[in-house]
Every structure is written in structure tokens, then in C-alpha cells.
Protein backbone atom coordinates (compact mmCIF):
# COMPACT_ATOMS: atom_id res chain seq x y z
CA MET A 1 17.84 141.76 124.08
CA THR A 2 14.72 143.68 123.24
CA ASN A 3 13.03 143.28 126.61
CA ILE A 4 16.31 143.63 128.42
CA LEU A 5 16.83 147.11 126.97
CA ASN A 6 14.39 148.11 129.71
CA ALA A 7 16.02 145.87 132.29
CA ILE A 8 17.15 147.02 135.67
CA LEU A 9 20.58 145.83 136.54
CA LEU A 10 21.26 146.10 140.23
CA LEU A 11 24.96 145.97 140.88
CA LEU A 12 26.86 145.59 144.07
CA PHE A 13 30.56 146.24 143.88
CA THR A 14 32.35 144.62 146.72
CA SER A 15 35.99 145.06 147.40
CA ASN A 16 38.43 145.17 150.23
CA ILE A 17 40.34 148.45 150.36
CA TYR A 18 43.59 146.50 150.35
CA ALA A 19 42.53 143.95 147.74
CA GLN A 20 43.93 143.82 144.24
CA ASN A 21 40.71 142.41 142.76
CA VAL A 22 37.00 143.13 143.11
CA ASN A 23 33.73 141.21 142.79
CA LEU A 24 30.70 142.24 140.76
CA GLU A 25 27.32 140.85 141.69
CA GLY A 26 23.73 141.79 141.06
CA ARG A 27 20.34 140.80 139.72
CA LEU A 28 18.91 141.19 136.22
CA THR A 29 15.17 141.88 135.90
CA THR A 30 12.80 143.46 133.42
CA ALA A 31 12.20 147.15 134.05
CA ASN A 32 8.44 147.19 133.64
CA ASN A 33 7.35 144.22 135.77
CA LYS A 34 10.52 143.22 137.67
CA ILE A 35 10.49 139.65 136.34
CA SER A 36 13.79 137.84 136.90
CA LEU A 37 15.82 137.03 133.80
CA PRO A 38 17.41 133.57 134.13
CA ASP A 39 20.13 132.08 131.91
CA VAL A 40 21.47 135.42 130.68
CA TYR A 41 25.19 135.44 129.82
CA ILE A 42 26.81 138.46 131.51
CA TYR A 43 30.41 139.27 130.67
CA LEU A 44 33.07 141.94 130.77
CA GLU A 45 33.85 142.80 127.16
CA GLY A 46 37.37 141.90 126.03
CA THR A 47 38.03 139.63 129.02
CA SER A 48 37.35 136.05 130.08
CA PHE A 49 35.25 137.16 133.07
CA PHE A 50 31.61 136.08 132.89
CA ASP A 51 28.68 134.48 134.69
CA ILE A 52 25.21 133.22 133.79
CA THR A 53 22.22 134.43 135.80
CA ASP A 54 20.52 131.84 137.98
CA ALA A 55 16.77 131.12 138.06
CA GLU A 56 16.16 134.36 139.95
CA GLY A 57 18.40 136.55 137.79
CA TYR A 58 21.34 136.73 140.20
CA PHE A 59 24.96 136.65 139.05
CA LYS A 60 28.45 137.08 140.51
CA ILE A 61 31.75 137.65 138.75
CA SER A 62 34.71 137.25 141.13
CA ASP A 63 38.36 138.29 141.30
CA ILE A 64 38.21 141.03 138.66
CA PRO A 65 41.36 143.16 138.47
CA LYS A 66 40.61 146.80 139.29
CA GLY A 67 39.95 148.86 136.17
CA GLU A 68 37.26 150.03 133.79
CA TYR A 69 35.20 147.51 131.85
CA THR A 70 32.13 147.38 129.63
CA LEU A 71 29.47 145.03 130.98
CA LYS A 72 27.58 143.15 128.24
CA THR A 73 24.67 140.72 128.23
CA SER A 74 23.54 138.05 125.80
CA SER A 75 20.61 135.65 125.75
CA ILE A 76 19.02 133.38 123.16
CA GLY A 77 15.99 135.05 121.64
CA TYR A 78 17.03 138.58 122.63
CA LYS A 79 18.95 141.29 120.88
CA ASN A 80 22.37 141.98 122.46
CA ILE A 81 22.80 145.23 124.36
């Protein structure tokens, strides 16, 4: 994702202190002009957890078991990062 290499990924981690799982949500935009990036596949590498950004670049992945993951993106016409 050539243009997305300069993207700003705003993430909000939400969890309940007693919860077993967490949610990951945010917005994907270009870094230079803050244009929303719709239809981008966002996933946690090595898992089945994913979402696709909406028309304004927002996404939410729910009920993720606590742990460490690598967040990846993919979109037609862009190089993967």
C-alpha cells in the first residue's frame, strides 16, 4: 500500500478490566492530506480476526483475546504493509 505507508492509523483499545477479550477500533487515513481510506482489509496476522474499513475509513475488530498481535492491511491497487 504505497500511499498507506504514510497513513495515520488511529487506534482505540477498549477493554473492561475484568474482560477476557478486547476490541480494536480506529480510522485509516492518508498521512499527508487526511483522506479516509475505504474498503481496506485490516486483520490480525495469523488469526481470523479482521474488518474492512467503511466509507470514512473506520473499522472495528471485536472480542479479541488479550495478547500481542501484528496488525496488517491490504487493499487492491496498493502494496501490502
